[in-house]
Amino acid sequence: MSTIANPPKIIWSATPTPFRADGALDMAALERVVDQHLRLGVTGLFLAGSCGEGPFMPNDQRVELVRAVVRLAGTRLQIAAQVSDTSAARVRENIGRMEQAGAQTVVVAPPWIARFCNRDFARRYFYEAIEAATVRVGIYVLQQPPETGLDLALWLEVANHRRIDLVKDSSGSAEYCQAFAKIRQQRPDLLLLTGNEFDVRTAVAAGYDGALLGTGILNGQLIRRALSADGAAWQQRSNELLWDLFGRDIRLWLGGLKYALTRLGIFSTEFMHLSYPLTAADRARIDAALEREREYISPSPKGGLAQV
């Protein structure tokens, strides 16, 4: 891997959303979410993405989420909100709602029903949304099946649009990484972040500005340390934490993350719209991982785990 010289320290978090047991937003927990990210050195929050369960939340609740976090964070964090949907018309509506709620950036990911997409639809989906926004615009890059038309060439075309300010690349592809790094060299105003939390160093060495992590609420400080010139051991340490949370096959994904946040006292419940059930052995492994990394992940390094 290339050497990281004068690495950037930009860490954003695609934060999970705290809910009460009835599915309502947990406002007290949202305040703890903001405080936790600030403690870990995170500089931006990406709200209502897939990790934040935005696609499963009612429109009014997503607006409520953004409005609350903007109020709680003030000027201390950059706030971006995902606005993806099933069509350009619906994305434009979402953009209007998020702008009114105070989001500084809106982020467009592939349409939810991508299997019905073709190249013409995909181009209109992104371009109409981009032109409708009055705030900064980002795109969330995920590799799609060939029949959708959302190939690397189209992603690069969209990323080169004059209104695009942020790119989150979660492709995990070396080809995509090299291509986006070339765009970044030509556009110093573009914020280019990797979403591959298991190998942040490779992207940063290629020219990315940092990372936008679905687990930044826990491993933000570990990844900041991983971005030092001799930080390979910190990247591995972060990976071991994530494998303990999710399993090596990532079968526990959001379930493991929400359990961990509840044990740390940041979330008050494990409520989620998705289903990632944990066994007693999973919970014991996660508890051990949280104790092991308490100094770097816990809002209270000297405190014990919360009872659940």
Protein backbone atom coordinates (compact mmCIF):
# COMPACT_ATOMS: atom_id res chain seq x y z
CA MET A 1 0.00 0.00 0.00
CA SER A 2 1.14 3.56 -0.69
CA THR A 3 2.49 5.63 2.18
CA ILE A 4 0.10 8.12 3.77
CA ALA A 5 1.80 11.51 3.75
CA ASN A 6 0.27 14.36 5.77
CA PRO A 7 -3.02 12.45 6.01
CA PRO A 8 -6.28 14.37 6.30
CA LYS A 9 -8.25 13.94 9.50
CA ILE A 10 -11.75 14.16 8.04
CA ILE A 11 -14.03 11.60 9.63
CA TRP A 12 -17.77 11.72 9.06
CA SER A 13 -20.30 9.33 10.54
CA ALA A 14 -23.33 7.78 8.83
CA THR A 15 -24.91 7.59 12.22
CA PRO A 16 -27.55 5.07 13.31
CA THR A 17 -30.79 6.56 14.61
CA PRO A 18 -31.88 6.08 18.25
CA PHE A 19 -35.53 5.11 18.72
CA ARG A 20 -37.70 4.58 21.74
CA ALA A 21 -39.34 1.19 22.15
CA ASP A 22 -42.44 2.41 20.28
CA GLY A 23 -40.41 3.53 17.24
CA ALA A 24 -40.50 7.25 18.04
CA LEU A 25 -37.27 9.22 17.95
CA ASP A 26 -35.38 9.22 21.23
CA MET A 27 -34.55 12.90 21.68
CA ALA A 28 -32.47 12.41 24.83
CA ALA A 29 -30.39 9.79 23.03
CA LEU A 30 -29.92 12.13 20.04
CA GLU A 31 -28.19 14.59 22.35
CA ARG A 32 -25.86 11.80 23.48
CA VAL A 33 -25.26 10.86 19.82
CA VAL A 34 -24.06 14.40 19.06
CA ASP A 35 -21.84 14.48 22.15
CA GLN A 36 -20.33 11.08 21.35
CA HIS A 37 -19.35 12.10 17.83
CA LEU A 38 -17.77 15.32 19.07
CA ARG A 39 -15.77 13.38 21.66
CA LEU A 40 -14.42 11.06 18.96
CA GLY A 41 -13.36 13.91 16.67
CA VAL A 42 -16.03 13.36 14.01
CA THR A 43 -16.69 16.52 11.99
CA GLY A 44 -19.82 15.63 10.00
CA LEU A 45 -22.98 13.56 10.40
CA PHE A 46 -24.83 11.81 7.58
CA LEU A 47 -28.43 11.33 8.71
CA ALA A 48 -31.16 8.96 7.50
CA GLY A 49 -28.88 6.77 5.39
CA SER A 50 -29.14 3.00 5.33
CA CYS A 51 -27.37 2.71 8.70
CA GLY A 52 -29.69 5.42 10.00
CA GLU A 53 -32.74 3.46 8.69
CA GLY A 54 -33.91 6.48 6.74
CA PRO A 55 -35.56 4.36 3.99
CA PHE A 56 -37.82 2.78 6.63
CA MET A 57 -38.82 5.96 8.45
CA PRO A 58 -41.89 8.08 7.66
CA ASN A 59 -41.10 11.34 5.85
CA ASP A 60 -42.16 13.47 8.82
CA GLN A 61 -39.90 11.49 11.14
CA ARG A 62 -36.87 11.98 8.89
CA VAL A 63 -37.53 15.72 8.90
CA GLU A 64 -37.92 15.62 12.68
CA LEU A 65 -34.57 13.81 12.94
CA VAL A 66 -32.68 16.34 10.85
CA ARG A 67 -34.27 19.32 12.56
CA ALA A 68 -33.42 17.94 16.01
CA VAL A 69 -29.79 17.15 15.17
CA VAL A 70 -29.26 20.55 13.53
CA ARG A 71 -30.57 22.17 16.72
CA LEU A 72 -28.43 20.00 19.00
CA ALA A 73 -25.22 20.26 16.97
CA GLY A 74 -25.37 23.95 16.14
CA THR A 75 -22.22 24.90 14.26
CA ARG A 76 -20.14 22.09 15.78
CA LEU A 77 -20.92 19.48 13.11
CA GLN A 78 -21.66 19.52 9.40
CA ILE A 79 -25.07 17.94 8.77
CA ALA A 80 -25.95 15.98 5.64
CA ALA A 81 -29.19 14.11 4.99
CA GLN A 82 -29.95 11.32 2.57
CA VAL A 83 -32.79 12.11 0.15
CA SER A 84 -32.86 9.00 -2.05
CA ASP A 85 -36.17 7.51 -3.14
CA THR A 86 -37.80 5.75 -6.09
CA SER A 87 -37.88 8.62 -8.59
CA ALA A 88 -36.46 12.05 -9.31
CA ALA A 89 -39.80 13.63 -8.38
CA ARG A 90 -39.76 12.02 -4.94
CA VAL A 91 -36.11 12.95 -4.42
CA ARG A 92 -36.91 16.58 -5.23
CA GLU A 93 -39.64 16.55 -2.59
CA ASN A 94 -37.22 15.05 -0.06
CA ILE A 95 -34.63 17.70 -0.86
CA GLY A 96 -37.14 20.45 -0.13
CA ARG A 97 -38.02 18.90 3.22
CA MET A 98 -34.39 18.45 4.27
CA GLU A 99 -33.42 21.96 3.24
CA GLN A 100 -36.27 23.36 5.35
CA ALA A 101 -35.11 21.18 8.27
CA GLY A 102 -31.66 22.76 8.11
CA ALA A 103 -29.47 20.18 6.37
CA GLN A 104 -26.36 21.77 4.90
CA THR A 105 -25.89 18.97 2.37
CA VAL A 106 -28.28 16.53 0.72
CA VAL A 107 -26.96 13.17 -0.45
CA VAL A 108 -28.43 11.12 -3.29
CA ALA A 109 -27.88 7.35 -3.34
CA PRO A 110 -29.15 4.97 -6.05
CA PRO A 111 -32.94 4.66 -6.28
CA TRP A 112 -34.51 2.22 -3.84
CA ILE A 113 -35.96 0.08 -6.65
CA ALA A 114 -32.74 -0.03 -8.67
CA ARG A 115 -33.68 -3.22 -10.54
CA PHE A 116 -36.26 -1.24 -12.54
CA CYS A 117 -33.67 1.41 -13.41
CA ASN A 118 -31.96 1.94 -16.78
CA ARG A 119 -29.34 4.46 -17.87
CA ASP A 120 -31.81 7.15 -18.97
CA PHE A 121 -33.77 6.85 -15.73
CA ALA A 122 -30.57 6.89 -13.66
CA ARG A 123 -29.25 10.01 -15.37
CA ARG A 124 -32.55 11.89 -14.88
CA TYR A 125 -32.79 10.61 -11.29
CA PHE A 126 -29.49 12.25 -10.36
CA TYR A 127 -29.47 15.31 -12.60
CA GLU A 128 -32.99 16.51 -11.76
CA ALA A 129 -32.22 16.13 -8.06
CA ILE A 130 -28.90 17.95 -8.35
CA GLU A 131 -30.46 20.89 -10.17
CA ALA A 132 -33.33 21.11 -7.66
CA ALA A 133 -31.12 21.56 -4.60
CA THR A 134 -30.18 24.96 -3.19
CA VAL A 135 -27.73 23.52 -0.63
CA ARG A 136 -24.61 21.43 -1.22
CA VAL A 137 -25.15 18.10 -2.96
CA GLY A 138 -23.44 14.76 -2.45
CA ILE A 139 -23.70 11.33 -4.02
CA TYR A 140 -23.45 7.93 -2.34
CA VAL A 141 -21.68 5.52 -4.67
CA LEU A 142 -22.74 1.88 -4.51
CA GLN A 143 -22.00 -0.56 -7.30
CA GLN A 144 -25.16 -1.62 -9.16
CA PRO A 145 -26.07 -4.46 -11.57
CA PRO A 146 -25.10 -3.70 -15.19
CA GLU A 147 -28.71 -3.53 -16.40
CA THR A 148 -29.39 -0.46 -14.23
CA GLY A 149 -26.99 1.66 -16.30
CA LEU A 150 -25.34 2.91 -13.12
CA ASP A 151 -21.82 1.89 -14.11
CA LEU A 152 -18.53 3.59 -13.30
CA ALA A 153 -18.78 5.85 -16.35
CA LEU A 154 -22.10 7.29 -15.22
CA TRP A 155 -20.95 7.64 -11.61
CA LEU A 156 -17.94 9.63 -12.84
CA GLU A 157 -20.16 11.78 -15.04
CA VAL A 158 -22.37 12.64 -12.08
CA ALA A 159 -19.39 13.19 -9.74
CA ASN A 160 -17.98 15.71 -12.23
CA HIS A 161 -21.17 17.79 -12.15
CA ARG A 162 -20.41 21.35 -11.05
CA ARG A 163 -22.96 21.12 -8.19
CA ILE A 164 -21.52 17.97 -6.59
CA ASP A 165 -19.60 18.84 -3.42
CA LEU A 166 -19.30 15.44 -1.72
CA VAL A 167 -18.77 11.85 -2.86
CA LYS A 168 -19.10 8.88 -0.52
CA ASP A 169 -17.57 5.88 -2.26
CA SER A 170 -18.76 2.59 -0.76
CA SER A 171 -18.00 0.55 -3.86
CA GLY A 172 -15.06 -1.27 -2.29
CA SER A 173 -13.57 -1.32 -5.80
CA ALA A 174 -9.94 -0.53 -6.60
CA GLU A 175 -11.04 0.63 -10.07
CA TYR A 176 -13.58 3.05 -8.60
CA CYS A 177 -11.03 4.26 -6.06
CA GLN A 178 -8.46 5.14 -8.71
CA ALA A 179 -11.06 6.86 -10.91
CA PHE A 180 -12.52 9.02 -8.13
CA ALA A 181 -9.04 9.91 -6.87
CA LYS A 182 -8.28 11.35 -10.34
CA ILE A 183 -11.41 13.51 -10.16
CA ARG A 184 -10.36 14.71 -6.71
CA GLN A 185 -6.99 15.83 -8.12
CA GLN A 186 -8.82 17.98 -10.67
CA ARG A 187 -11.40 19.33 -8.19
CA PRO A 188 -9.85 20.59 -4.95
CA ASP A 189 -13.30 21.74 -3.81
CA LEU A 190 -14.69 18.18 -3.82
CA LEU A 191 -14.90 16.28 -0.52
CA LEU A 192 -14.11 12.65 -1.36
CA LEU A 193 -14.75 10.14 1.43
CA THR A 194 -14.49 6.37 1.48
CA GLY A 195 -17.29 4.29 2.97
CA ASN A 196 -15.09 1.20 3.23
CA GLU A 197 -14.38 1.25 6.95
CA PHE A 198 -12.31 -1.94 6.77
CA ASP A 199 -9.63 -0.31 4.58
CA VAL A 200 -9.67 3.45 4.98
CA ARG A 201 -5.91 3.72 4.61
CA THR A 202 -5.81 2.53 1.00
CA ALA A 203 -8.34 5.15 -0.12
CA VAL A 204 -6.61 7.96 1.75
CA ALA A 205 -3.24 6.95 0.33
CA ALA A 206 -4.84 7.15 -3.13
CA GLY A 207 -5.98 10.74 -2.51
CA TYR A 208 -9.30 10.55 -0.64
CA ASP A 209 -9.93 13.21 2.00
CA GLY A 210 -11.02 10.78 4.69
CA ALA A 211 -13.90 8.48 5.55
CA LEU A 212 -17.67 8.47 6.04
CA LEU A 213 -18.26 5.53 8.34
CA GLY A 214 -21.41 3.66 9.31
CA THR A 215 -19.63 2.86 12.57
CA GLY A 216 -18.04 6.27 13.13
CA ILE A 217 -20.07 6.62 16.34
CA LEU A 218 -17.81 3.91 17.78
CA ASN A 219 -14.58 3.68 15.78
CA GLY A 220 -14.13 7.32 14.78
CA GLN A 221 -11.13 7.78 17.05
CA LEU A 222 -9.58 4.45 16.04
CA ILE A 223 -9.79 5.44 12.37
CA ARG A 224 -8.34 8.88 13.06
CA ARG A 225 -5.32 7.07 14.51
CA ALA A 226 -5.30 4.69 11.55
CA LEU A 227 -4.76 7.68 9.26
CA SER A 228 -1.34 8.37 10.71
CA ALA A 229 1.67 7.28 8.66
CA ASP A 230 2.21 4.24 10.90
CA GLY A 231 -1.46 3.58 11.60
CA ALA A 232 -1.89 0.12 10.03
CA ALA A 233 -2.18 -1.48 13.46
CA TRP A 234 -5.01 0.92 14.35
CA GLN A 235 -6.91 -0.03 11.19
CA GLN A 236 -6.58 -3.69 12.17
CA ARG A 237 -7.69 -2.87 15.70
CA SER A 238 -10.79 -1.14 14.32
CA ASN A 239 -11.49 -4.11 12.06
CA GLU A 240 -11.31 -6.52 14.99
CA LEU A 241 -13.84 -4.39 16.85
CA LEU A 242 -16.22 -4.40 13.89
CA TRP A 243 -15.88 -8.16 13.38
CA ASP A 244 -16.75 -8.64 17.05
CA LEU A 245 -19.83 -6.45 16.60
CA PHE A 246 -21.04 -7.85 13.29
CA GLY A 247 -19.48 -11.30 12.99
CA ARG A 248 -16.89 -12.11 10.34
CA ASP A 249 -19.66 -12.54 7.77
CA ILE A 250 -21.31 -9.22 8.82
CA ARG A 251 -24.51 -11.16 9.61
CA LEU A 252 -25.30 -8.99 12.65
CA TRP A 253 -24.64 -5.57 11.08
CA LEU A 254 -27.10 -3.08 12.62
CA GLY A 255 -28.15 -5.42 15.43
CA GLY A 256 -24.63 -5.62 16.82
CA LEU A 257 -24.13 -1.88 16.50
CA LYS A 258 -27.37 -0.99 18.27
CA TYR A 259 -26.69 -3.47 21.05
CA ALA A 260 -23.25 -1.94 21.57
CA LEU A 261 -24.65 1.60 21.69
CA THR A 262 -27.26 0.51 24.21
CA ARG A 263 -24.63 -1.15 26.40
CA LEU A 264 -22.57 2.05 26.31
CA GLY A 265 -25.59 4.07 27.44
CA ILE A 266 -25.77 6.15 24.26
CA PHE A 267 -29.00 4.52 23.03
CA SER A 268 -31.78 3.62 25.45
CA THR A 269 -33.23 0.77 23.33
CA GLU A 270 -32.15 -1.60 20.56
CA PHE A 271 -35.29 -0.85 18.49
CA MET A 272 -34.72 -1.15 14.75
CA HIS A 273 -36.88 -1.54 11.67
CA LEU A 274 -34.62 -4.28 10.35
CA SER A 275 -33.98 -7.62 12.05
CA TYR A 276 -30.52 -8.76 13.08
CA PRO A 277 -31.11 -10.99 16.14
CA LEU A 278 -28.19 -11.64 18.49
CA THR A 279 -27.49 -14.80 20.48
CA ALA A 280 -26.20 -14.83 24.06
CA ALA A 281 -22.76 -15.69 22.66
CA ASP A 282 -22.92 -12.68 20.31
CA ARG A 283 -23.76 -10.38 23.20
CA ALA A 284 -20.94 -11.76 25.34
CA ARG A 285 -18.43 -11.28 22.51
CA ILE A 286 -19.60 -7.69 21.94
CA ASP A 287 -19.40 -6.93 25.66
CA ALA A 288 -15.79 -8.14 25.72
CA ALA A 289 -14.94 -5.99 22.70
CA LEU A 290 -16.46 -2.90 24.30
CA GLU A 291 -14.44 -3.47 27.47
CA ARG A 292 -11.27 -4.00 25.42
CA GLU A 293 -11.66 -0.70 23.52
CA ARG A 294 -13.35 1.33 26.24
CA GLU A 295 -10.66 4.02 26.26
CA TYR A 296 -11.28 4.87 22.60
CA ILE A 297 -15.00 4.31 22.11
CA SER A 298 -16.88 4.90 25.34
CA PRO A 299 -18.51 8.20 26.33
CA SER A 300 -17.45 7.32 29.89
CA PRO A 301 -14.15 5.38 29.80
CA LYS A 302 -14.18 4.73 33.55
CA GLY A 303 -17.84 3.68 33.75
CA GLY A 304 -19.38 0.25 33.43
CA LEU A 305 -21.65 -1.08 30.69
CA ALA A 306 -25.33 -0.23 31.00
CA GLN A 307 -27.77 -2.92 32.03
CA VAL A 308 -30.10 -4.13 29.23
